[in-house]
Amino acid sequence: MRLAFILSEIGSGIRRNLSMVTSVILVTFISLTFVGAAGLFQLQINQMKGYWYDRVQVTLYLCVDNSSETSCAAGPVTDEQREAIQAKLESEQFAPYVDTVTYESQEEALGHFRDQFANSPIVDSVTADQLPESYRVSLVDAEKYEVIDEAFSSEPGVDAVSDQRDFLEAIFRYMNWASVVALVIAGIMTFCAILLIATTIRLSAFSRRRETGIMRLVGASKAVIQLPFILEGVIAAVLGAVLASATLWAASKFVIDGWLVDTFPQTAFISSQQVLLLVPALILLGAVLAGLSSLLTLRRYVKV
C-alpha cells in the first residue's frame, strides 16, 4: 500500500506540474549532453594520442645553400656528412631508439611538396634545390624524441631536427580547449537544471500542502512524505539523461561511424560502443543532482 501510495503521489505531482517537469527534462537533457560531449572529446583526444604518437617520425633536415645554422657553416651537406649521419642513425648506440630510417632526396621532397600544395600559386616557382634532403626516423618510443634531437641537432650537415609531436600537440591543445568550453557550458546548464528542479519540487510541495499536513497528523514518516517529491525530480532528470545518452550515441553512430571514419580513414576515432560507457555515468549524475537538490529543497519548504 505504501508503494501504491508513493506511485500515485508521483503521478499526481507530475500531472500538476507537467510543464515544469518537461522543462526539467529538457534542461537536464541539454546540460548532460554537453557533459557527455566533453567526455567524448577527452576519449577522442586519448584515442588519437595513442594512435598518432606511435606513428610519430623525427625528421632530420640536411643543409642547403641558404641554411643559417652553425652546423651548416661549410655549405650544403656533403656526401661524407650524409653517410656519417646515416651510419650514426643505424649504429648500435641508437638501436634502442630508432625503428626505421628513410632517406628523402630533394627530388622526392619536391614531389611531396607539389602533391601537398597542388592548388597553391607558388608551387611552380619552387625548385628541388630549394628543398632540403632529409632522413625520416621512426622511433621505438615516441617519448624518446629528445635523444635524437640532442644527438643530431648540432651534427655537421644537419640543418634542423623536427618532431611531428609539436604539430600534434597544437591540435590536441585546441581540442582540449573545446572540451573545456563544453564543460563550462555544461556547468552553467547543470546549475540551471538544479535551480529548475528545486523550483519544481517547491511548487509541487506547495500545491500539495494540505495532503502533506494530513499525512503529518496521521503519523506518516518523513521518508513517506518526502520520497514522492524526490522521485519526481529524479525521474525527470533520469529521462533527460536518457535523452542525452541517446543523442550522443546517435551522433557517434551516424556522424563518426557513418561519415568521419570513411572520410578520414587514417584517423583513429572512438566507436559508438565506447560512447555507451558514458551512459551509466550520465544517468547516475542526473539522478544524484536531482536527488540532492530535491532533498535540500524539501528540508527548507516541507517541515515534517
C-alpha atoms as a PDB file:
ATOM      1  CA  MET A   1       0.000   0.000   0.000  1.00  0.00           C
ATOM      2  CA  ARG A   2       2.859   2.373   0.722  1.00  0.00           C
ATOM      3  CA  LEU A   3       4.354   1.709  -2.724  1.00  0.00           C
ATOM      4  CA  ALA A   4       0.988   2.273  -4.400  1.00  0.00           C
ATOM      5  CA  PHE A   5       0.554   5.497  -2.436  1.00  0.00           C
ATOM      6  CA  ILE A   6       4.012   6.762  -3.363  1.00  0.00           C
ATOM      7  CA  LEU A   7       3.464   5.961  -7.052  1.00  0.00           C
ATOM      8  CA  SER A   8       0.087   7.707  -7.027  1.00  0.00           C
ATOM      9  CA  GLU A   9       1.636  10.778  -5.410  1.00  0.00           C
ATOM     10  CA  ILE A  10       4.392  10.836  -8.016  1.00  0.00           C
ATOM     11  CA  GLY A  11       1.855  10.633 -10.843  1.00  0.00           C
ATOM     12  CA  SER A  12      -0.261  13.348  -9.243  1.00  0.00           C
ATOM     13  CA  GLY A  13       2.731  15.636  -8.844  1.00  0.00           C
ATOM     14  CA  ILE A  14       3.858  15.141 -12.439  1.00  0.00           C
ATOM     15  CA  ARG A  15       0.346  15.847 -13.786  1.00  0.00           C
ATOM     16  CA  ARG A  16       0.017  19.026 -11.722  1.00  0.00           C
ATOM     17  CA  ASN A  17       3.414  20.395 -12.785  1.00  0.00           C
ATOM     18  CA  LEU A  18       3.718  18.854 -16.236  1.00  0.00           C
ATOM     19  CA  SER A  19       5.166  21.966 -17.874  1.00  0.00           C
ATOM     20  CA  MET A  20       7.817  22.367 -15.165  1.00  0.00           C
ATOM     21  CA  VAL A  21       8.684  18.665 -15.267  1.00  0.00           C
ATOM     22  CA  THR A  22       9.079  18.911 -19.047  1.00  0.00           C
ATOM     23  CA  SER A  23      11.381  21.904 -18.556  1.00  0.00           C
ATOM     24  CA  VAL A  24      13.468  19.894 -16.085  1.00  0.00           C
ATOM     25  CA  ILE A  25      13.764  17.062 -18.604  1.00  0.00           C
ATOM     26  CA  LEU A  26      14.858  19.423 -21.398  1.00  0.00           C
ATOM     27  CA  VAL A  27      17.341  21.417 -19.317  1.00  0.00           C
ATOM     28  CA  THR A  28      18.844  18.222 -17.886  1.00  0.00           C
ATOM     29  CA  PHE A  29      18.998  16.784 -21.399  1.00  0.00           C
ATOM     30  CA  ILE A  30      20.925  19.811 -22.712  1.00  0.00           C
ATOM     31  CA  SER A  31      23.290  20.065 -19.746  1.00  0.00           C
ATOM     32  CA  LEU A  32      24.146  16.348 -19.701  1.00  0.00           C
ATOM     33  CA  THR A  33      24.588  16.379 -23.483  1.00  0.00           C
ATOM     34  CA  PHE A  34      27.332  18.973 -23.016  1.00  0.00           C
ATOM     35  CA  VAL A  35      28.825  16.936 -20.158  1.00  0.00           C
ATOM     36  CA  GLY A  36      28.826  13.855 -22.389  1.00  0.00           C
ATOM     37  CA  ALA A  37      30.278  15.820 -25.313  1.00  0.00           C
ATOM     38  CA  ALA A  38      33.177  16.941 -23.107  1.00  0.00           C
ATOM     39  CA  GLY A  39      33.719  13.320 -22.077  1.00  0.00           C
ATOM     40  CA  LEU A  40      33.683  12.219 -25.728  1.00  0.00           C
ATOM     41  CA  PHE A  41      36.222  14.910 -26.592  1.00  0.00           C
ATOM     42  CA  GLN A  42      38.581  13.505 -23.964  1.00  0.00           C
ATOM     43  CA  LEU A  43      38.052   9.934 -25.186  1.00  0.00           C
ATOM     44  CA  GLN A  44      38.775  11.077 -28.741  1.00  0.00           C
ATOM     45  CA  ILE A  45      41.890  13.006 -27.709  1.00  0.00           C
ATOM     46  CA  ASN A  46      43.263   9.998 -25.821  1.00  0.00           C
ATOM     47  CA  GLN A  47      42.437   7.719 -28.752  1.00  0.00           C
ATOM     48  CA  MET A  48      44.204   9.980 -31.242  1.00  0.00           C
ATOM     49  CA  LYS A  49      47.206  10.454 -28.978  1.00  0.00           C
ATOM     50  CA  GLY A  50      47.668   6.725 -28.607  1.00  0.00           C
ATOM     51  CA  TYR A  51      47.267   6.238 -32.376  1.00  0.00           C
ATOM     52  CA  TRP A  52      49.414   9.107 -33.680  1.00  0.00           C
ATOM     53  CA  TYR A  53      52.162   9.091 -31.074  1.00  0.00           C
ATOM     54  CA  ASP A  54      53.000   5.539 -32.116  1.00  0.00           C
ATOM     55  CA  ARG A  55      53.437   6.837 -35.687  1.00  0.00           C
ATOM     56  CA  VAL A  56      55.408   9.985 -34.891  1.00  0.00           C
ATOM     57  CA  GLN A  57      58.509  10.475 -37.001  1.00  0.00           C
ATOM     58  CA  VAL A  58      61.524  12.640 -36.307  1.00  0.00           C
ATOM     59  CA  THR A  59      62.792  14.386 -39.416  1.00  0.00           C
ATOM     60  CA  LEU A  60      66.431  15.403 -39.845  1.00  0.00           C
ATOM     61  CA  TYR A  61      66.611  18.167 -42.468  1.00  0.00           C
ATOM     62  CA  LEU A  62      70.018  18.397 -44.115  1.00  0.00           C
ATOM     63  CA  CYS A  63      71.844  21.600 -45.017  1.00  0.00           C
ATOM     64  CA  VAL A  64      71.136  23.510 -48.240  1.00  0.00           C
ATOM     65  CA  ASP A  65      72.611  26.703 -49.721  1.00  0.00           C
ATOM     66  CA  ASN A  66      70.519  29.115 -47.635  1.00  0.00           C
ATOM     67  CA  SER A  67      70.841  27.286 -44.290  1.00  0.00           C
ATOM     68  CA  SER A  68      71.867  29.600 -41.432  1.00  0.00           C
ATOM     69  CA  GLU A  69      72.658  27.075 -38.677  1.00  0.00           C
ATOM     70  CA  THR A  70      76.245  26.806 -37.418  1.00  0.00           C
ATOM     71  CA  SER A  71      76.252  23.110 -38.356  1.00  0.00           C
ATOM     72  CA  CYS A  72      75.760  24.262 -41.986  1.00  0.00           C
ATOM     73  CA  ALA A  73      78.600  26.789 -41.964  1.00  0.00           C
ATOM     74  CA  ALA A  74      80.511  24.736 -44.554  1.00  0.00           C
ATOM     75  CA  GLY A  75      77.587  24.922 -47.015  1.00  0.00           C
ATOM     76  CA  PRO A  76      75.230  22.236 -48.322  1.00  0.00           C
ATOM     77  CA  VAL A  77      75.557  18.750 -46.909  1.00  0.00           C
ATOM     78  CA  THR A  78      78.366  16.703 -48.411  1.00  0.00           C
ATOM     79  CA  ASP A  79      78.374  13.021 -49.314  1.00  0.00           C
ATOM     80  CA  GLU A  80      80.681  12.303 -46.369  1.00  0.00           C
ATOM     81  CA  GLN A  81      78.395  14.123 -43.926  1.00  0.00           C
ATOM     82  CA  ARG A  82      75.334  12.366 -45.313  1.00  0.00           C
ATOM     83  CA  GLU A  83      76.978   8.952 -44.944  1.00  0.00           C
ATOM     84  CA  ALA A  84      78.133   9.806 -41.417  1.00  0.00           C
ATOM     85  CA  ILE A  85      74.596  10.842 -40.390  1.00  0.00           C
ATOM     86  CA  GLN A  86      73.073   7.643 -41.765  1.00  0.00           C
ATOM     87  CA  ALA A  87      75.764   5.491 -40.180  1.00  0.00           C
ATOM     88  CA  LYS A  88      75.154   7.161 -36.823  1.00  0.00           C
ATOM     89  CA  LEU A  89      71.387   6.625 -37.097  1.00  0.00           C
ATOM     90  CA  GLU A  90      71.906   2.941 -37.871  1.00  0.00           C
ATOM     91  CA  SER A  91      74.599   2.424 -35.236  1.00  0.00           C
ATOM     92  CA  GLU A  92      74.250   0.169 -32.188  1.00  0.00           C
ATOM     93  CA  GLN A  93      74.183   3.252 -29.993  1.00  0.00           C
ATOM     94  CA  PHE A  94      70.782   4.327 -31.339  1.00  0.00           C
ATOM     95  CA  ALA A  95      69.315   0.870 -31.996  1.00  0.00           C
ATOM     96  CA  PRO A  96      67.188   1.016 -28.791  1.00  0.00           C
ATOM     97  CA  TYR A  97      65.601   4.268 -30.012  1.00  0.00           C
ATOM     98  CA  VAL A  98      65.443   4.060 -33.823  1.00  0.00           C
ATOM     99  CA  ASP A  99      62.978   1.736 -35.506  1.00  0.00           C
ATOM    100  CA  THR A 100      63.393   2.605 -39.212  1.00  0.00           C
ATOM    101  CA  VAL A 101      65.267   5.247 -41.211  1.00  0.00           C
ATOM    102  CA  THR A 102      64.014   6.540 -44.563  1.00  0.00           C
ATOM    103  CA  TYR A 103      66.030   8.876 -46.802  1.00  0.00           C
ATOM    104  CA  GLU A 104      64.214  11.516 -48.881  1.00  0.00           C
ATOM    105  CA  SER A 105      66.103  13.249 -51.695  1.00  0.00           C
ATOM    106  CA  GLN A 106      65.477  16.785 -52.898  1.00  0.00           C
ATOM    107  CA  GLU A 107      63.586  15.488 -55.936  1.00  0.00           C
ATOM    108  CA  GLU A 108      61.336  13.347 -53.718  1.00  0.00           C
ATOM    109  CA  ALA A 109      60.810  16.322 -51.411  1.00  0.00           C
ATOM    110  CA  LEU A 110      59.744  18.424 -54.417  1.00  0.00           C
ATOM    111  CA  GLY A 111      57.257  15.726 -55.477  1.00  0.00           C
ATOM    112  CA  HIS A 112      55.728  15.647 -51.971  1.00  0.00           C
ATOM    113  CA  PHE A 113      55.640  19.441 -51.902  1.00  0.00           C
ATOM    114  CA  ARG A 114      53.757  19.610 -55.200  1.00  0.00           C
ATOM    115  CA  ASP A 115      51.277  17.000 -54.015  1.00  0.00           C
ATOM    116  CA  GLN A 116      50.664  18.828 -50.766  1.00  0.00           C
ATOM    117  CA  PHE A 117      50.364  22.323 -52.295  1.00  0.00           C
ATOM    118  CA  ALA A 118      48.843  21.378 -55.634  1.00  0.00           C
ATOM    119  CA  ASN A 119      46.418  24.327 -55.573  1.00  0.00           C
ATOM    120  CA  SER A 120      48.929  26.922 -54.363  1.00  0.00           C
ATOM    121  CA  PRO A 121      50.186  29.602 -56.792  1.00  0.00           C
ATOM    122  CA  ILE A 122      53.766  29.208 -55.519  1.00  0.00           C
ATOM    123  CA  VAL A 123      54.049  25.529 -56.419  1.00  0.00           C
ATOM    124  CA  ASP A 124      55.577  26.206 -59.863  1.00  0.00           C
ATOM    125  CA  SER A 125      58.166  28.630 -58.501  1.00  0.00           C
ATOM    126  CA  VAL A 126      59.772  26.132 -56.115  1.00  0.00           C
ATOM    127  CA  THR A 127      62.666  24.011 -57.379  1.00  0.00           C
ATOM    128  CA  ALA A 128      64.263  20.891 -55.968  1.00  0.00           C
ATOM    129  CA  ASP A 129      67.487  22.652 -54.901  1.00  0.00           C
ATOM    130  CA  GLN A 130      65.462  24.926 -52.593  1.00  0.00           C
ATOM    131  CA  LEU A 131      64.149  21.998 -50.586  1.00  0.00           C
ATOM    132  CA  PRO A 132      66.341  20.065 -48.142  1.00  0.00           C
ATOM    133  CA  GLU A 133      67.152  16.397 -48.187  1.00  0.00           C
ATOM    134  CA  SER A 134      66.001  14.622 -45.064  1.00  0.00           C
ATOM    135  CA  TYR A 135      66.075  11.462 -43.004  1.00  0.00           C
ATOM    136  CA  ARG A 136      62.720  10.410 -41.581  1.00  0.00           C
ATOM    137  CA  VAL A 137      63.219   8.407 -38.412  1.00  0.00           C
ATOM    138  CA  SER A 138      60.514   6.230 -36.869  1.00  0.00           C
ATOM    139  CA  LEU A 139      61.112   5.767 -33.153  1.00  0.00           C
ATOM    140  CA  VAL A 140      60.684   2.709 -30.978  1.00  0.00           C
ATOM    141  CA  ASP A 141      59.287   5.024 -28.276  1.00  0.00           C
ATOM    142  CA  ALA A 142      57.968   8.416 -29.392  1.00  0.00           C
ATOM    143  CA  GLU A 143      58.675   9.834 -25.911  1.00  0.00           C
ATOM    144  CA  LYS A 144      62.426   9.432 -26.581  1.00  0.00           C
ATOM    145  CA  TYR A 145      62.466  12.174 -29.210  1.00  0.00           C
ATOM    146  CA  GLU A 146      64.875  14.265 -27.124  1.00  0.00           C
ATOM    147  CA  VAL A 147      67.606  11.619 -27.517  1.00  0.00           C
ATOM    148  CA  ILE A 148      67.635  12.053 -31.307  1.00  0.00           C
ATOM    149  CA  ASP A 149      67.293  15.824 -31.051  1.00  0.00           C
ATOM    150  CA  GLU A 150      70.256  16.209 -28.703  1.00  0.00           C
ATOM    151  CA  ALA A 151      72.438  13.817 -30.696  1.00  0.00           C
ATOM    152  CA  PHE A 152      71.831  15.295 -34.159  1.00  0.00           C
ATOM    153  CA  SER A 153      70.843  18.957 -33.753  1.00  0.00           C
ATOM    154  CA  SER A 154      74.496  20.055 -33.886  1.00  0.00           C
ATOM    155  CA  GLU A 155      75.702  17.275 -36.218  1.00  0.00           C
ATOM    156  CA  PRO A 156      77.609  18.670 -39.248  1.00  0.00           C
ATOM    157  CA  GLY A 157      75.313  18.630 -42.246  1.00  0.00           C
ATOM    158  CA  VAL A 158      72.070  18.714 -40.214  1.00  0.00           C
ATOM    159  CA  ASP A 159      70.100  21.950 -40.526  1.00  0.00           C
ATOM    160  CA  ALA A 160      67.193  21.152 -38.196  1.00  0.00           C
ATOM    161  CA  VAL A 161      65.552  18.333 -36.289  1.00  0.00           C
ATOM    162  CA  SER A 162      61.753  18.368 -36.368  1.00  0.00           C
ATOM    163  CA  ASP A 163      59.289  16.321 -34.334  1.00  0.00           C
ATOM    164  CA  GLN A 164      55.716  15.870 -35.575  1.00  0.00           C
ATOM    165  CA  ARG A 165      54.527  15.933 -31.988  1.00  0.00           C
ATOM    166  CA  ASP A 166      54.833  19.740 -31.991  1.00  0.00           C
ATOM    167  CA  PHE A 167      52.122  19.890 -34.652  1.00  0.00           C
ATOM    168  CA  LEU A 168      50.014  17.203 -32.997  1.00  0.00           C
ATOM    169  CA  GLU A 169      50.223  18.864 -29.583  1.00  0.00           C
ATOM    170  CA  ALA A 170      48.821  22.078 -31.079  1.00  0.00           C
ATOM    171  CA  ILE A 171      45.835  20.161 -32.465  1.00  0.00           C
ATOM    172  CA  PHE A 172      45.260  18.357 -29.170  1.00  0.00           C
ATOM    173  CA  ARG A 173      45.562  21.662 -27.299  1.00  0.00           C
ATOM    174  CA  TYR A 174      42.726  23.162 -29.351  1.00  0.00           C
ATOM    175  CA  MET A 175      40.647  20.027 -28.805  1.00  0.00           C
ATOM    176  CA  ASN A 176      41.253  20.291 -25.064  1.00  0.00           C
ATOM    177  CA  TRP A 177      40.053  23.900 -25.142  1.00  0.00           C
ATOM    178  CA  ALA A 178      36.901  22.764 -26.948  1.00  0.00           C
ATOM    179  CA  SER A 179      36.407  20.177 -24.207  1.00  0.00           C
ATOM    180  CA  VAL A 180      36.831  22.849 -21.516  1.00  0.00           C
ATOM    181  CA  VAL A 181      34.297  25.120 -23.260  1.00  0.00           C
ATOM    182  CA  ALA A 182      31.828  22.218 -23.392  1.00  0.00           C
ATOM    183  CA  LEU A 183      32.373  21.590 -19.670  1.00  0.00           C
ATOM    184  CA  VAL A 184      31.824  25.267 -18.810  1.00  0.00           C
ATOM    185  CA  ILE A 185      28.566  25.337 -20.775  1.00  0.00           C
ATOM    186  CA  ALA A 186      27.589  22.045 -19.153  1.00  0.00           C
ATOM    187  CA  GLY A 187      28.287  23.509 -15.703  1.00  0.00           C
ATOM    188  CA  ILE A 188      26.100  26.537 -16.399  1.00  0.00           C
ATOM    189  CA  MET A 189      23.277  24.401 -17.768  1.00  0.00           C
ATOM    190  CA  THR A 190      23.581  21.958 -14.850  1.00  0.00           C
ATOM    191  CA  PHE A 191      23.272  24.844 -12.401  1.00  0.00           C
ATOM    192  CA  CYS A 192      20.143  25.971 -14.258  1.00  0.00           C
ATOM    193  CA  ALA A 193      18.799  22.421 -14.076  1.00  0.00           C
ATOM    194  CA  ILE A 194      19.380  22.289 -10.309  1.00  0.00           C
ATOM    195  CA  LEU A 195      17.529  25.582  -9.809  1.00  0.00           C
ATOM    196  CA  LEU A 196      14.677  24.403 -12.017  1.00  0.00           C
ATOM    197  CA  ILE A 197      14.413  21.077 -10.172  1.00  0.00           C
ATOM    198  CA  ALA A 198      14.353  22.920  -6.833  1.00  0.00           C
ATOM    199  CA  THR A 199      11.615  25.265  -8.124  1.00  0.00           C
ATOM    200  CA  THR A 200       9.570  22.359  -9.455  1.00  0.00           C
ATOM    201  CA  ILE A 201       9.762  20.479  -6.161  1.00  0.00           C
ATOM    202  CA  ARG A 202       8.889  23.620  -4.216  1.00  0.00           C
ATOM    203  CA  LEU A 203       5.785  24.250  -6.354  1.00  0.00           C
ATOM    204  CA  SER A 204       4.788  20.603  -6.112  1.00  0.00           C
ATOM    205  CA  ALA A 205       5.124  20.689  -2.325  1.00  0.00           C
ATOM    206  CA  PHE A 206       3.147  23.925  -2.131  1.00  0.00           C
ATOM    207  CA  SER A 207       0.322  22.538  -4.293  1.00  0.00           C
ATOM    208  CA  ARG A 208       0.049  19.512  -2.002  1.00  0.00           C
ATOM    209  CA  ARG A 209       0.493  21.252   1.322  1.00  0.00           C
ATOM    210  CA  ARG A 210      -2.963  20.129   2.544  1.00  0.00           C
ATOM    211  CA  GLU A 211      -2.215  16.452   1.827  1.00  0.00           C
ATOM    212  CA  THR A 212       1.176  16.828   3.469  1.00  0.00           C
ATOM    213  CA  GLY A 213      -0.418  18.333   6.581  1.00  0.00           C
ATOM    214  CA  ILE A 214      -2.908  15.486   6.845  1.00  0.00           C
ATOM    215  CA  MET A 215      -0.131  12.919   6.467  1.00  0.00           C
ATOM    216  CA  ARG A 216       1.801  14.568   9.303  1.00  0.00           C
ATOM    217  CA  LEU A 217      -1.272  14.455  11.532  1.00  0.00           C
ATOM    218  CA  VAL A 218      -1.846  10.739  10.949  1.00  0.00           C
ATOM    219  CA  GLY A 219       1.798   9.972  11.765  1.00  0.00           C
ATOM    220  CA  ALA A 220       3.320   9.355   8.325  1.00  0.00           C
ATOM    221  CA  SER A 221       7.099   9.116   8.413  1.00  0.00           C
ATOM    222  CA  LYS A 222       9.398  11.732   6.917  1.00  0.00           C
ATOM    223  CA  ALA A 223      10.513   9.275   4.216  1.00  0.00           C
ATOM    224  CA  VAL A 224       6.946   8.536   3.080  1.00  0.00           C
ATOM    225  CA  ILE A 225       6.141  12.254   2.839  1.00  0.00           C
ATOM    226  CA  GLN A 226       9.332  13.357   1.103  1.00  0.00           C
ATOM    227  CA  LEU A 227      10.003  10.370  -1.159  1.00  0.00           C
ATOM    228  CA  PRO A 228       7.357  11.173  -3.827  1.00  0.00           C
ATOM    229  CA  PHE A 229       8.742  14.703  -4.251  1.00  0.00           C
ATOM    230  CA  ILE A 230      12.319  13.447  -4.514  1.00  0.00           C
ATOM    231  CA  LEU A 231      11.386  10.757  -7.023  1.00  0.00           C
ATOM    232  CA  GLU A 232       9.596  13.328  -9.210  1.00  0.00           C
ATOM    233  CA  GLY A 233      12.833  15.236  -9.668  1.00  0.00           C
ATOM    234  CA  VAL A 234      14.895  12.077 -10.072  1.00  0.00           C
ATOM    235  CA  ILE A 235      12.567  10.639 -12.722  1.00  0.00           C
ATOM    236  CA  ALA A 236      12.612  13.890 -14.715  1.00  0.00           C
ATOM    237  CA  ALA A 237      16.417  14.116 -14.520  1.00  0.00           C
ATOM    238  CA  VAL A 238      16.890  10.454 -15.473  1.00  0.00           C
ATOM    239  CA  LEU A 239      14.647  10.934 -18.507  1.00  0.00           C
ATOM    240  CA  GLY A 240      16.805  13.909 -19.503  1.00  0.00           C
ATOM    241  CA  ALA A 241      19.942  11.797 -19.025  1.00  0.00           C
ATOM    242  CA  VAL A 242      18.480   9.020 -21.193  1.00  0.00           C
ATOM    243  CA  LEU A 243      17.716  11.543 -23.948  1.00  0.00           C
ATOM    244  CA  ALA A 244      21.259  12.944 -23.681  1.00  0.00           C
ATOM    245  CA  SER A 245      22.750   9.435 -23.877  1.00  0.00           C
ATOM    246  CA  ALA A 246      20.626   8.578 -26.919  1.00  0.00           C
ATOM    247  CA  THR A 247      21.666  11.807 -28.639  1.00  0.00           C
ATOM    248  CA  LEU A 248      25.371  11.187 -28.038  1.00  0.00           C
ATOM    249  CA  TRP A 249      25.095   7.588 -29.211  1.00  0.00           C
ATOM    250  CA  ALA A 250      23.226   8.645 -32.373  1.00  0.00           C
ATOM    251  CA  ALA A 251      25.855  11.311 -33.085  1.00  0.00           C
ATOM    252  CA  SER A 252      28.677   8.792 -32.715  1.00  0.00           C
ATOM    253  CA  LYS A 253      26.836   6.153 -34.756  1.00  0.00           C
ATOM    254  CA  PHE A 254      25.795   8.285 -37.706  1.00  0.00           C
ATOM    255  CA  VAL A 255      28.387  11.088 -37.702  1.00  0.00           C
ATOM    256  CA  ILE A 256      31.554   9.317 -36.525  1.00  0.00           C
ATOM    257  CA  ASP A 257      30.971   5.711 -37.619  1.00  0.00           C
ATOM    258  CA  GLY A 258      28.855   6.628 -40.637  1.00  0.00           C
ATOM    259  CA  TRP A 259      30.810   9.593 -42.030  1.00  0.00           C
ATOM    260  CA  LEU A 260      34.108  10.566 -40.373  1.00  0.00           C
ATOM    261  CA  VAL A 261      35.545   7.038 -40.386  1.00  0.00           C
ATOM    262  CA  ASP A 262      35.035   6.778 -44.153  1.00  0.00           C
ATOM    263  CA  THR A 263      36.110  10.363 -44.872  1.00  0.00           C
ATOM    264  CA  PHE A 264      39.293  10.245 -42.754  1.00  0.00           C
ATOM    265  CA  PRO A 265      40.422   6.609 -42.812  1.00  0.00           C
ATOM    266  CA  GLN A 266      43.888   7.479 -41.457  1.00  0.00           C
ATOM    267  CA  THR A 267      42.468   8.863 -38.203  1.00  0.00           C
ATOM    268  CA  ALA A 268      41.568   6.791 -35.154  1.00  0.00           C
ATOM    269  CA  PHE A 269      38.042   7.635 -33.978  1.00  0.00           C
ATOM    270  CA  ILE A 270      36.121   6.441 -30.954  1.00  0.00           C
ATOM    271  CA  SER A 271      33.334   3.964 -31.637  1.00  0.00           C
ATOM    272  CA  SER A 272      29.666   4.084 -30.676  1.00  0.00           C
ATOM    273  CA  GLN A 273      30.362   1.197 -28.271  1.00  0.00           C
ATOM    274  CA  GLN A 274      32.763   3.423 -26.325  1.00  0.00           C
ATOM    275  CA  VAL A 275      30.043   6.052 -26.028  1.00  0.00           C
ATOM    276  CA  LEU A 276      27.907   3.512 -24.166  1.00  0.00           C
ATOM    277  CA  LEU A 277      30.483   3.643 -21.360  1.00  0.00           C
ATOM    278  CA  LEU A 278      29.296   7.188 -20.587  1.00  0.00           C
ATOM    279  CA  VAL A 279      25.611   6.253 -20.325  1.00  0.00           C
ATOM    280  CA  PRO A 280      25.654   4.905 -16.712  1.00  0.00           C
ATOM    281  CA  ALA A 281      27.708   7.917 -15.583  1.00  0.00           C
ATOM    282  CA  LEU A 282      25.280  10.406 -17.156  1.00  0.00           C
ATOM    283  CA  ILE A 283      22.222   8.686 -15.693  1.00  0.00           C
ATOM    284  CA  LEU A 284      23.854   8.462 -12.249  1.00  0.00           C
ATOM    285  CA  LEU A 285      24.920  12.113 -12.416  1.00  0.00           C
ATOM    286  CA  GLY A 286      21.409  13.227 -13.337  1.00  0.00           C
ATOM    287  CA  ALA A 287      19.823  11.148 -10.570  1.00  0.00           C
ATOM    288  CA  VAL A 288      22.279  12.360  -7.910  1.00  0.00           C
ATOM    289  CA  LEU A 289      21.906  16.047  -8.848  1.00  0.00           C
ATOM    290  CA  ALA A 290      18.120  15.789  -8.866  1.00  0.00           C
ATOM    291  CA  GLY A 291      18.022  13.808  -5.616  1.00  0.00           C
ATOM    292  CA  LEU A 292      20.272  16.218  -3.731  1.00  0.00           C
ATOM    293  CA  SER A 293      18.573  19.377  -4.974  1.00  0.00           C
ATOM    294  CA  SER A 294      15.135  17.905  -4.191  1.00  0.00           C
ATOM    295  CA  LEU A 295      16.202  16.820  -0.709  1.00  0.00           C
ATOM    296  CA  LEU A 296      17.690  20.220   0.142  1.00  0.00           C
ATOM    297  CA  THR A 297      14.554  21.973  -1.127  1.00  0.00           C
ATOM    298  CA  LEU A 298      12.269  19.731   0.909  1.00  0.00           C
ATOM    299  CA  ARG A 299      14.252  20.304   4.096  1.00  0.00           C
ATOM    300  CA  ARG A 300      13.539  24.011   3.733  1.00  0.00           C
ATOM    301  CA  TYR A 301       9.978  24.053   2.473  1.00  0.00           C
ATOM    302  CA  VAL A 302       8.407  20.823   3.794  1.00  0.00           C
ATOM    303  CA  LYS A 303       8.610  20.568   7.571  1.00  0.00           C
ATOM    304  CA  VAL A 304       7.997  17.084   8.929  1.00  0.00           C
END
